[in-house]
Amino acid sequence: MQILTFDIEEWFHLLDFDATRTEAEWEKYEVRIYKNVERIFRLLEETDTKATFFIIGWIAKRYPDLVREIAQRYQIGSHTMNHQLVWQQSPKAFREDVASSIHRLEDVTGQRVTCFRAPGFSIRSSERWAFETLAELGIEYDCSIFPASHAHGGMPEYGASEPAIIRCGKAEIREFPISTESLLGRHVAFSGGGYFRLMPYRLIRHWSQRQVDYLMAYIHPRDLDGDQPVLQGLSPMRRFRSYVGVKGAEKKLRRYLQDFCFADVATAAAQIDWNAVKEIRL
């Protein structure tokens, strides 16, 4: 089971970077989301691939025509309204942010939103309350868990990277965690983001073949945008992580989609016997 997801953000939506932290700053930058989503459409159509698009509510507010076009073709989900880390928010602020994003997406598309991903995989055990909030807001499927230590979150106690039912209080959420592999003693999300851009394709394919029972891939539009401007003020390491391999990533993703048969979250969820998966109580 291979699942493909896209986190629909603008090229400047970096986490933990003051120059692009709030909506006030976002207004200052060039619009590149249209051409980047068109690039994604083209790749998916060329390879006859389905995917789930986790969309920031701000994108739906600013570019509703684009979000309607996505929803006409593919499954959509919430990626919050304002792209902030979960653990940097109070429970009340998180609820308001996610509720706002869901309402905006549903108003724009006319479709019910039942799928969610937190920016930066930033739901930790200490933010277990987030699952109760998501369930109360109508979310049935979550794709936010990084099952190891992670700069922006991480939940090592989740265990193996495989679907599970998370129970927290009265909430029940069906979880699709990110896939990881061990590299030099660290767990890396090789099937998305910076590691996908950095790693040789042969290694990505090898690791993906090892995870034939479950593989979660995630891509940002900016990962494929070889002509995007470079944000000023990033540290040398952050700059490297943000832009390494961008120019070759579109070709790499096309090959990935040709070599593996990816589906969206809805298709994968329908194939799973949820009575047989592990349960995690938080």
C-alpha atoms as a PDB file:
ATOM      1  CA  MET A   1       0.000   0.000   0.000  1.00  0.00           C
ATOM      2  CA  GLN A   2       1.584   3.242  -1.204  1.00  0.00           C
ATOM      3  CA  ILE A   3      -0.113   6.551  -0.339  1.00  0.00           C
ATOM      4  CA  LEU A   4       0.748   9.869  -1.964  1.00  0.00           C
ATOM      5  CA  THR A   5       0.010  13.211  -0.313  1.00  0.00           C
ATOM      6  CA  PHE A   6       0.780  16.855  -1.072  1.00  0.00           C
ATOM      7  CA  ASP A   7       0.949  19.630   1.524  1.00  0.00           C
ATOM      8  CA  ILE A   8      -0.399  22.607  -0.419  1.00  0.00           C
ATOM      9  CA  GLU A   9       1.543  25.626   0.762  1.00  0.00           C
ATOM     10  CA  GLU A  10       3.236  28.572  -0.910  1.00  0.00           C
ATOM     11  CA  TRP A  11       6.989  28.522  -1.500  1.00  0.00           C
ATOM     12  CA  PHE A  12       7.574  30.825   1.487  1.00  0.00           C
ATOM     13  CA  HIS A  13       5.606  28.802   4.054  1.00  0.00           C
ATOM     14  CA  LEU A  14       8.592  27.671   6.092  1.00  0.00           C
ATOM     15  CA  LEU A  15       8.063  26.777   9.747  1.00  0.00           C
ATOM     16  CA  ASP A  16       9.860  28.542  12.602  1.00  0.00           C
ATOM     17  CA  PHE A  17      11.091  31.400  10.414  1.00  0.00           C
ATOM     18  CA  ASP A  18      10.120  34.863  11.632  1.00  0.00           C
ATOM     19  CA  ALA A  19      10.202  36.510   8.205  1.00  0.00           C
ATOM     20  CA  THR A  20       7.359  34.289   6.988  1.00  0.00           C
ATOM     21  CA  ARG A  21       5.545  33.485  10.227  1.00  0.00           C
ATOM     22  CA  THR A  22       2.260  35.359   9.798  1.00  0.00           C
ATOM     23  CA  GLU A  23      -0.252  36.333   7.150  1.00  0.00           C
ATOM     24  CA  ALA A  24       1.008  39.916   7.231  1.00  0.00           C
ATOM     25  CA  GLU A  25       4.372  38.742   5.890  1.00  0.00           C
ATOM     26  CA  TRP A  26       2.832  36.394   3.316  1.00  0.00           C
ATOM     27  CA  GLU A  27       1.269  39.277   1.424  1.00  0.00           C
ATOM     28  CA  LYS A  28       4.741  40.554   0.489  1.00  0.00           C
ATOM     29  CA  TYR A  29       5.876  37.571  -1.560  1.00  0.00           C
ATOM     30  CA  GLU A  30       5.472  36.453  -5.159  1.00  0.00           C
ATOM     31  CA  VAL A  31       2.571  34.126  -5.983  1.00  0.00           C
ATOM     32  CA  ARG A  32       3.870  30.780  -7.281  1.00  0.00           C
ATOM     33  CA  ILE A  33       1.205  28.347  -6.091  1.00  0.00           C
ATOM     34  CA  TYR A  34      -0.689  28.244  -9.403  1.00  0.00           C
ATOM     35  CA  LYS A  35       2.250  27.147 -11.533  1.00  0.00           C
ATOM     36  CA  ASN A  36       3.425  24.726  -8.857  1.00  0.00           C
ATOM     37  CA  VAL A  37       0.044  23.014  -8.509  1.00  0.00           C
ATOM     38  CA  GLU A  38      -0.227  22.826 -12.306  1.00  0.00           C
ATOM     39  CA  ARG A  39       3.115  21.016 -12.270  1.00  0.00           C
ATOM     40  CA  ILE A  40       1.685  18.514  -9.780  1.00  0.00           C
ATOM     41  CA  PHE A  41      -1.465  18.040 -11.885  1.00  0.00           C
ATOM     42  CA  ARG A  42       0.678  17.297 -14.919  1.00  0.00           C
ATOM     43  CA  LEU A  43       2.758  14.682 -13.087  1.00  0.00           C
ATOM     44  CA  LEU A  44      -0.320  12.940 -11.691  1.00  0.00           C
ATOM     45  CA  GLU A  45      -2.082  12.899 -15.044  1.00  0.00           C
ATOM     46  CA  GLU A  46       0.993  11.586 -16.853  1.00  0.00           C
ATOM     47  CA  THR A  47       1.268   8.668 -14.428  1.00  0.00           C
ATOM     48  CA  ASP A  48      -2.469   8.134 -13.763  1.00  0.00           C
ATOM     49  CA  THR A  49      -1.910   8.642 -10.023  1.00  0.00           C
ATOM     50  CA  LYS A  50      -4.323   9.653  -7.276  1.00  0.00           C
ATOM     51  CA  ALA A  51      -3.275  11.666  -4.210  1.00  0.00           C
ATOM     52  CA  THR A  52      -4.619  13.526  -1.203  1.00  0.00           C
ATOM     53  CA  PHE A  53      -4.015  17.284  -1.045  1.00  0.00           C
ATOM     54  CA  PHE A  54      -3.681  18.775   2.456  1.00  0.00           C
ATOM     55  CA  ILE A  55      -4.454  22.451   1.912  1.00  0.00           C
ATOM     56  CA  ILE A  56      -3.753  25.452   4.126  1.00  0.00           C
ATOM     57  CA  GLY A  57      -6.987  27.347   4.738  1.00  0.00           C
ATOM     58  CA  TRP A  58      -5.238  30.594   3.836  1.00  0.00           C
ATOM     59  CA  ILE A  59      -4.684  29.198   0.337  1.00  0.00           C
ATOM     60  CA  ALA A  60      -8.430  28.509   0.059  1.00  0.00           C
ATOM     61  CA  LYS A  61      -9.211  32.023   1.276  1.00  0.00           C
ATOM     62  CA  ARG A  62      -6.764  33.685  -1.100  1.00  0.00           C
ATOM     63  CA  TYR A  63      -7.102  31.407  -4.142  1.00  0.00           C
ATOM     64  CA  PRO A  64     -10.511  29.697  -3.973  1.00  0.00           C
ATOM     65  CA  ASP A  65     -10.547  28.985  -7.712  1.00  0.00           C
ATOM     66  CA  LEU A  66      -7.380  26.903  -7.387  1.00  0.00           C
ATOM     67  CA  VAL A  67      -8.732  24.941  -4.427  1.00  0.00           C
ATOM     68  CA  ARG A  68     -11.979  24.219  -6.265  1.00  0.00           C
ATOM     69  CA  GLU A  69      -9.949  22.853  -9.165  1.00  0.00           C
ATOM     70  CA  ILE A  70      -7.966  20.602  -6.830  1.00  0.00           C
ATOM     71  CA  ALA A  71     -11.148  19.314  -5.182  1.00  0.00           C
ATOM     72  CA  GLN A  72     -12.725  18.523  -8.555  1.00  0.00           C
ATOM     73  CA  ARG A  73      -9.829  16.156  -9.289  1.00  0.00           C
ATOM     74  CA  TYR A  74      -8.502  14.828  -5.995  1.00  0.00           C
ATOM     75  CA  GLN A  75      -9.248  14.234  -2.331  1.00  0.00           C
ATOM     76  CA  ILE A  76      -8.619  17.242  -0.102  1.00  0.00           C
ATOM     77  CA  GLY A  77      -7.838  17.618   3.599  1.00  0.00           C
ATOM     78  CA  SER A  78      -6.983  20.346   6.085  1.00  0.00           C
ATOM     79  CA  HIS A  79      -3.414  21.471   6.760  1.00  0.00           C
ATOM     80  CA  THR A  80      -4.634  24.065   9.324  1.00  0.00           C
ATOM     81  CA  MET A  81      -5.588  27.645   8.509  1.00  0.00           C
ATOM     82  CA  ASN A  82      -2.336  29.468   9.211  1.00  0.00           C
ATOM     83  CA  HIS A  83       0.374  26.785   9.129  1.00  0.00           C
ATOM     84  CA  GLN A  84       1.594  26.965  12.726  1.00  0.00           C
ATOM     85  CA  LEU A  85       3.123  24.177  14.801  1.00  0.00           C
ATOM     86  CA  VAL A  86       0.596  22.496  17.090  1.00  0.00           C
ATOM     87  CA  TRP A  87       2.751  22.685  20.216  1.00  0.00           C
ATOM     88  CA  GLN A  88       3.177  26.438  19.766  1.00  0.00           C
ATOM     89  CA  GLN A  89      -0.587  26.926  20.186  1.00  0.00           C
ATOM     90  CA  SER A  90      -2.995  26.642  23.071  1.00  0.00           C
ATOM     91  CA  PRO A  91      -5.762  24.047  22.718  1.00  0.00           C
ATOM     92  CA  LYS A  92      -8.238  26.877  22.129  1.00  0.00           C
ATOM     93  CA  ALA A  93      -6.112  28.496  19.419  1.00  0.00           C
ATOM     94  CA  PHE A  94      -5.592  25.145  17.715  1.00  0.00           C
ATOM     95  CA  ARG A  95      -9.320  24.430  17.693  1.00  0.00           C
ATOM     96  CA  GLU A  96     -10.121  27.832  16.215  1.00  0.00           C
ATOM     97  CA  ASP A  97      -7.414  27.483  13.572  1.00  0.00           C
ATOM     98  CA  VAL A  98      -8.426  23.997  12.420  1.00  0.00           C
ATOM     99  CA  ALA A  99     -12.147  24.765  12.553  1.00  0.00           C
ATOM    100  CA  SER A 100     -11.552  27.859  10.433  1.00  0.00           C
ATOM    101  CA  SER A 101      -9.608  25.864   7.852  1.00  0.00           C
ATOM    102  CA  ILE A 102     -12.255  23.138   7.633  1.00  0.00           C
ATOM    103  CA  HIS A 103     -15.082  25.650   7.252  1.00  0.00           C
ATOM    104  CA  ARG A 104     -13.176  27.566   4.578  1.00  0.00           C
ATOM    105  CA  LEU A 105     -12.346  24.432   2.574  1.00  0.00           C
ATOM    106  CA  GLU A 106     -15.893  23.114   2.815  1.00  0.00           C
ATOM    107  CA  ASP A 107     -17.398  26.460   1.835  1.00  0.00           C
ATOM    108  CA  VAL A 108     -15.107  26.766  -1.187  1.00  0.00           C
ATOM    109  CA  THR A 109     -15.428  23.184  -2.441  1.00  0.00           C
ATOM    110  CA  GLY A 110     -18.815  21.987  -1.191  1.00  0.00           C
ATOM    111  CA  GLN A 111     -17.090  18.832   0.043  1.00  0.00           C
ATOM    112  CA  ARG A 112     -16.857  17.488   3.578  1.00  0.00           C
ATOM    113  CA  VAL A 113     -13.332  17.520   5.023  1.00  0.00           C
ATOM    114  CA  THR A 114     -12.481  14.390   7.028  1.00  0.00           C
ATOM    115  CA  CYS A 115      -8.680  14.246   6.663  1.00  0.00           C
ATOM    116  CA  PHE A 116      -5.988  16.294   8.441  1.00  0.00           C
ATOM    117  CA  ARG A 117      -2.233  16.799   8.649  1.00  0.00           C
ATOM    118  CA  ALA A 118      -0.485  19.051  11.150  1.00  0.00           C
ATOM    119  CA  PRO A 119       2.334  21.284   9.873  1.00  0.00           C
ATOM    120  CA  GLY A 120       5.705  19.762  10.606  1.00  0.00           C
ATOM    121  CA  PHE A 121       4.142  16.524  11.958  1.00  0.00           C
ATOM    122  CA  SER A 122       3.871  18.533  15.170  1.00  0.00           C
ATOM    123  CA  ILE A 123       1.452  16.507  17.276  1.00  0.00           C
ATOM    124  CA  ARG A 124       3.425  15.020  20.158  1.00  0.00           C
ATOM    125  CA  SER A 125       2.197  12.938  23.084  1.00  0.00           C
ATOM    126  CA  SER A 126       2.027  16.138  25.108  1.00  0.00           C
ATOM    127  CA  GLU A 127      -0.496  17.441  22.560  1.00  0.00           C
ATOM    128  CA  ARG A 128      -2.726  14.365  22.734  1.00  0.00           C
ATOM    129  CA  TRP A 129      -5.659  16.734  23.250  1.00  0.00           C
ATOM    130  CA  ALA A 130      -5.335  17.582  19.564  1.00  0.00           C
ATOM    131  CA  PHE A 131      -6.872  14.227  18.620  1.00  0.00           C
ATOM    132  CA  GLU A 132      -9.978  14.944  20.676  1.00  0.00           C
ATOM    133  CA  THR A 133     -10.258  18.326  18.994  1.00  0.00           C
ATOM    134  CA  LEU A 134      -9.882  16.819  15.528  1.00  0.00           C
ATOM    135  CA  ALA A 135     -12.530  14.180  16.203  1.00  0.00           C
ATOM    136  CA  GLU A 136     -14.942  16.808  17.524  1.00  0.00           C
ATOM    137  CA  LEU A 137     -14.419  18.807  14.321  1.00  0.00           C
ATOM    138  CA  GLY A 138     -15.325  15.828  12.144  1.00  0.00           C
ATOM    139  CA  ILE A 139     -11.847  14.588  11.234  1.00  0.00           C
ATOM    140  CA  GLU A 140     -11.752  10.807  10.777  1.00  0.00           C
ATOM    141  CA  TYR A 141      -8.270  10.308   9.319  1.00  0.00           C
ATOM    142  CA  ASP A 142      -5.052  11.918  10.512  1.00  0.00           C
ATOM    143  CA  CYS A 143      -1.631  11.923   8.825  1.00  0.00           C
ATOM    144  CA  SER A 144       0.320  13.949  11.397  1.00  0.00           C
ATOM    145  CA  ILE A 145       2.403  11.413  13.302  1.00  0.00           C
ATOM    146  CA  PHE A 146       6.150  11.125  12.860  1.00  0.00           C
ATOM    147  CA  PRO A 147       6.840   7.837  14.713  1.00  0.00           C
ATOM    148  CA  ALA A 148      10.279   8.871  16.006  1.00  0.00           C
ATOM    149  CA  SER A 149      12.059  11.951  17.317  1.00  0.00           C
ATOM    150  CA  HIS A 150      11.669  14.925  15.005  1.00  0.00           C
ATOM    151  CA  ALA A 151      12.677  18.581  15.005  1.00  0.00           C
ATOM    152  CA  HIS A 152       9.096  19.856  14.854  1.00  0.00           C
ATOM    153  CA  GLY A 153       7.359  17.107  16.788  1.00  0.00           C
ATOM    154  CA  GLY A 154       7.686  13.362  16.813  1.00  0.00           C
ATOM    155  CA  MET A 155       6.034  10.558  18.747  1.00  0.00           C
ATOM    156  CA  PRO A 156       8.572   7.724  19.238  1.00  0.00           C
ATOM    157  CA  GLU A 157       6.136   5.766  21.404  1.00  0.00           C
ATOM    158  CA  TYR A 158       3.830   5.296  18.406  1.00  0.00           C
ATOM    159  CA  GLY A 159       6.018   2.378  17.356  1.00  0.00           C
ATOM    160  CA  ALA A 160       6.221   0.930  13.864  1.00  0.00           C
ATOM    161  CA  SER A 161       5.188   3.134  10.977  1.00  0.00           C
ATOM    162  CA  GLU A 162       1.852   1.541  10.131  1.00  0.00           C
ATOM    163  CA  PRO A 163      -1.816   2.538  10.278  1.00  0.00           C
ATOM    164  CA  ALA A 164      -3.423   2.451  13.715  1.00  0.00           C
ATOM    165  CA  ILE A 165      -6.511   3.563  15.591  1.00  0.00           C
ATOM    166  CA  ILE A 166      -5.712   6.279  18.113  1.00  0.00           C
ATOM    167  CA  ARG A 167      -8.040   6.514  21.109  1.00  0.00           C
ATOM    168  CA  CYS A 168      -7.832   9.572  23.314  1.00  0.00           C
ATOM    169  CA  GLY A 169     -10.647  10.246  25.736  1.00  0.00           C
ATOM    170  CA  LYS A 170     -13.807   9.793  23.706  1.00  0.00           C
ATOM    171  CA  ALA A 171     -11.998  10.401  20.426  1.00  0.00           C
ATOM    172  CA  GLU A 172     -11.188   7.788  17.820  1.00  0.00           C
ATOM    173  CA  ILE A 173      -8.925   8.725  14.912  1.00  0.00           C
ATOM    174  CA  ARG A 174      -7.592   6.480  12.178  1.00  0.00           C
ATOM    175  CA  GLU A 175      -3.926   7.320  11.819  1.00  0.00           C
ATOM    176  CA  PHE A 176      -1.661   7.131   8.761  1.00  0.00           C
ATOM    177  CA  PRO A 177       1.854   8.004  10.041  1.00  0.00           C
ATOM    178  CA  ILE A 178       4.789   9.120   7.924  1.00  0.00           C
ATOM    179  CA  SER A 179       7.193   6.392   6.788  1.00  0.00           C
ATOM    180  CA  THR A 180      10.775   6.425   8.057  1.00  0.00           C
ATOM    181  CA  GLU A 181      14.034   4.537   7.639  1.00  0.00           C
ATOM    182  CA  SER A 182      17.134   4.497   9.831  1.00  0.00           C
ATOM    183  CA  LEU A 183      20.177   6.379   8.552  1.00  0.00           C
ATOM    184  CA  LEU A 184      23.280   6.753  10.724  1.00  0.00           C
ATOM    185  CA  GLY A 185      21.208   6.191  13.832  1.00  0.00           C
ATOM    186  CA  ARG A 186      18.501   8.694  12.878  1.00  0.00           C
ATOM    187  CA  HIS A 187      14.997   8.103  11.566  1.00  0.00           C
ATOM    188  CA  VAL A 188      14.521   9.997   8.306  1.00  0.00           C
ATOM    189  CA  ALA A 189      11.368  10.616   6.273  1.00  0.00           C
ATOM    190  CA  PHE A 190      12.933   9.567   2.996  1.00  0.00           C
ATOM    191  CA  SER A 191       9.675   9.679   1.019  1.00  0.00           C
ATOM    192  CA  GLY A 192       9.128  13.415   1.275  1.00  0.00           C
ATOM    193  CA  GLY A 193      10.520  16.878   1.833  1.00  0.00           C
ATOM    194  CA  GLY A 194      14.220  17.554   2.120  1.00  0.00           C
ATOM    195  CA  TYR A 195      15.325  13.932   2.403  1.00  0.00           C
ATOM    196  CA  PHE A 196      13.454  13.020  -0.780  1.00  0.00           C
ATOM    197  CA  ARG A 197      15.252  15.860  -2.563  1.00  0.00           C
ATOM    198  CA  LEU A 198      18.632  14.962  -1.043  1.00  0.00           C
ATOM    199  CA  MET A 199      18.751  11.176  -1.247  1.00  0.00           C
ATOM    200  CA  PRO A 200      19.787   9.304  -4.426  1.00  0.00           C
ATOM    201  CA  TYR A 201      16.749   7.886  -6.149  1.00  0.00           C
ATOM    202  CA  ARG A 202      18.185   4.367  -6.010  1.00  0.00           C
ATOM    203  CA  LEU A 203      18.183   4.516  -2.200  1.00  0.00           C
ATOM    204  CA  ILE A 204      14.656   5.960  -2.080  1.00  0.00           C
ATOM    205  CA  ARG A 205      13.432   3.153  -4.316  1.00  0.00           C
ATOM    206  CA  HIS A 206      15.217   0.531  -2.208  1.00  0.00           C
ATOM    207  CA  TRP A 207      13.696   1.814   1.028  1.00  0.00           C
ATOM    208  CA  SER A 208      10.284   2.082  -0.608  1.00  0.00           C
ATOM    209  CA  GLN A 209      10.440  -1.512  -1.785  1.00  0.00           C
ATOM    210  CA  ARG A 210      11.196  -2.586   1.797  1.00  0.00           C
ATOM    211  CA  GLN A 211       7.968  -0.919   2.935  1.00  0.00           C
ATOM    212  CA  VAL A 212       5.661  -2.689   0.516  1.00  0.00           C
ATOM    213  CA  ASP A 213       2.924  -3.159   3.161  1.00  0.00           C
ATOM    214  CA  TYR A 214       2.711   0.552   3.958  1.00  0.00           C
ATOM    215  CA  LEU A 215       4.376   3.636   2.517  1.00  0.00           C
ATOM    216  CA  MET A 216       3.354   7.256   3.080  1.00  0.00           C
ATOM    217  CA  ALA A 217       4.903   9.816   0.735  1.00  0.00           C
ATOM    218  CA  TYR A 218       4.491  13.580   1.058  1.00  0.00           C
ATOM    219  CA  ILE A 219       5.593  16.423  -1.203  1.00  0.00           C
ATOM    220  CA  HIS A 220       5.311  20.213  -1.001  1.00  0.00           C
ATOM    221  CA  PRO A 221       4.831  22.249  -4.197  1.00  0.00           C
ATOM    222  CA  ARG A 222       8.036  24.142  -3.391  1.00  0.00           C
ATOM    223  CA  ASP A 223       9.973  20.844  -3.381  1.00  0.00           C
ATOM    224  CA  LEU A 224       9.480  20.752  -7.173  1.00  0.00           C
ATOM    225  CA  ASP A 225      10.013  24.449  -7.932  1.00  0.00           C
ATOM    226  CA  GLY A 226      13.537  24.748  -9.261  1.00  0.00           C
ATOM    227  CA  ASP A 227      13.146  28.441 -10.130  1.00  0.00           C
ATOM    228  CA  GLN A 228      11.813  29.710  -6.804  1.00  0.00           C
ATOM    229  CA  PRO A 229      13.548  32.652  -5.115  1.00  0.00           C
ATOM    230  CA  VAL A 230      15.757  31.987  -2.112  1.00  0.00           C
ATOM    231  CA  LEU A 231      14.417  33.421   1.133  1.00  0.00           C
ATOM    232  CA  GLN A 232      16.873  35.757   2.789  1.00  0.00           C
ATOM    233  CA  GLY A 233      17.898  35.391   6.428  1.00  0.00           C
ATOM    234  CA  LEU A 234      17.988  31.604   6.653  1.00  0.00           C
ATOM    235  CA  SER A 235      20.883  29.980   8.490  1.00  0.00           C
ATOM    236  CA  PRO A 236      23.308  28.065   6.237  1.00  0.00           C
ATOM    237  CA  MET A 237      21.913  24.709   7.436  1.00  0.00           C
ATOM    238  CA  ARG A 238      18.299  25.826   7.030  1.00  0.00           C
ATOM    239  CA  ARG A 239      19.074  27.161   3.561  1.00  0.00           C
ATOM    240  CA  PHE A 240      20.654  23.858   2.585  1.00  0.00           C
ATOM    241  CA  ARG A 241      17.707  21.852   3.909  1.00  0.00           C
ATOM    242  CA  SER A 242      15.195  24.108   2.181  1.00  0.00           C
ATOM    243  CA  TYR A 243      16.742  24.136  -1.290  1.00  0.00           C
ATOM    244  CA  VAL A 244      18.975  21.093  -1.732  1.00  0.00           C
ATOM    245  CA  GLY A 245      17.915  18.981  -4.697  1.00  0.00           C
ATOM    246  CA  VAL A 246      15.025  21.217  -5.751  1.00  0.00           C
ATOM    247  CA  LYS A 247      16.074  21.443  -9.387  1.00  0.00           C
ATOM    248  CA  GLY A 248      16.057  17.659  -9.862  1.00  0.00           C
ATOM    249  CA  ALA A 249      13.050  16.823  -7.693  1.00  0.00           C
ATOM    250  CA  GLU A 250      10.380  16.950 -10.415  1.00  0.00           C
ATOM    251  CA  LYS A 251      12.224  14.371 -12.495  1.00  0.00           C
ATOM    252  CA  LYS A 252      12.764  12.233  -9.395  1.00  0.00           C
ATOM    253  CA  LEU A 253       9.090  12.381  -8.443  1.00  0.00           C
ATOM    254  CA  ARG A 254       8.007  11.436 -11.974  1.00  0.00           C
ATOM    255  CA  ARG A 255      10.196   8.349 -11.779  1.00  0.00           C
ATOM    256  CA  TYR A 256       8.832   7.540  -8.304  1.00  0.00           C
ATOM    257  CA  LEU A 257       5.260   7.669  -9.601  1.00  0.00           C
ATOM    258  CA  GLN A 258       6.192   5.460 -12.533  1.00  0.00           C
ATOM    259  CA  ASP A 259       7.881   2.851 -10.334  1.00  0.00           C
ATOM    260  CA  PHE A 260       5.215   2.621  -7.621  1.00  0.00           C
ATOM    261  CA  CYS A 261       1.425   2.547  -7.664  1.00  0.00           C
ATOM    262  CA  PHE A 262       0.275   5.310  -5.320  1.00  0.00           C
ATOM    263  CA  ALA A 263      -3.261   5.956  -4.080  1.00  0.00           C
ATOM    264  CA  ASP A 264      -4.953   8.615  -1.971  1.00  0.00           C
ATOM    265  CA  VAL A 265      -5.853   8.315   1.704  1.00  0.00           C
ATOM    266  CA  ALA A 266      -9.501   7.530   0.981  1.00  0.00           C
ATOM    267  CA  THR A 267      -8.603   4.581  -1.241  1.00  0.00           C
ATOM    268  CA  ALA A 268      -6.104   3.250   1.289  1.00  0.00           C
ATOM    269  CA  ALA A 269      -8.575   3.608   4.170  1.00  0.00           C
ATOM    270  CA  ALA A 270     -11.165   1.576   2.285  1.00  0.00           C
ATOM    271  CA  GLN A 271      -8.661  -1.273   1.828  1.00  0.00           C
ATOM    272  CA  ILE A 272      -7.726  -1.589   5.500  1.00  0.00           C
ATOM    273  CA  ASP A 273      -9.392  -3.954   7.951  1.00  0.00           C
ATOM    274  CA  TRP A 274      -9.537  -1.482  10.834  1.00  0.00           C
ATOM    275  CA  ASN A 275     -10.561  -4.225  13.258  1.00  0.00           C
ATOM    276  CA  ALA A 276      -7.157  -5.818  12.723  1.00  0.00           C
ATOM    277  CA  VAL A 277      -4.860  -2.812  13.168  1.00  0.00           C
ATOM    278  CA  LYS A 278      -3.140  -1.865  16.425  1.00  0.00           C
ATOM    279  CA  GLU A 279      -4.800   0.486  18.886  1.00  0.00           C
ATOM    280  CA  ILE A 280      -2.931   3.264  20.633  1.00  0.00           C
ATOM    281  CA  ARG A 281      -4.410   4.841  23.756  1.00  0.00           C
ATOM    282  CA  LEU A 282      -3.136   8.261  24.711  1.00  0.00           C
END
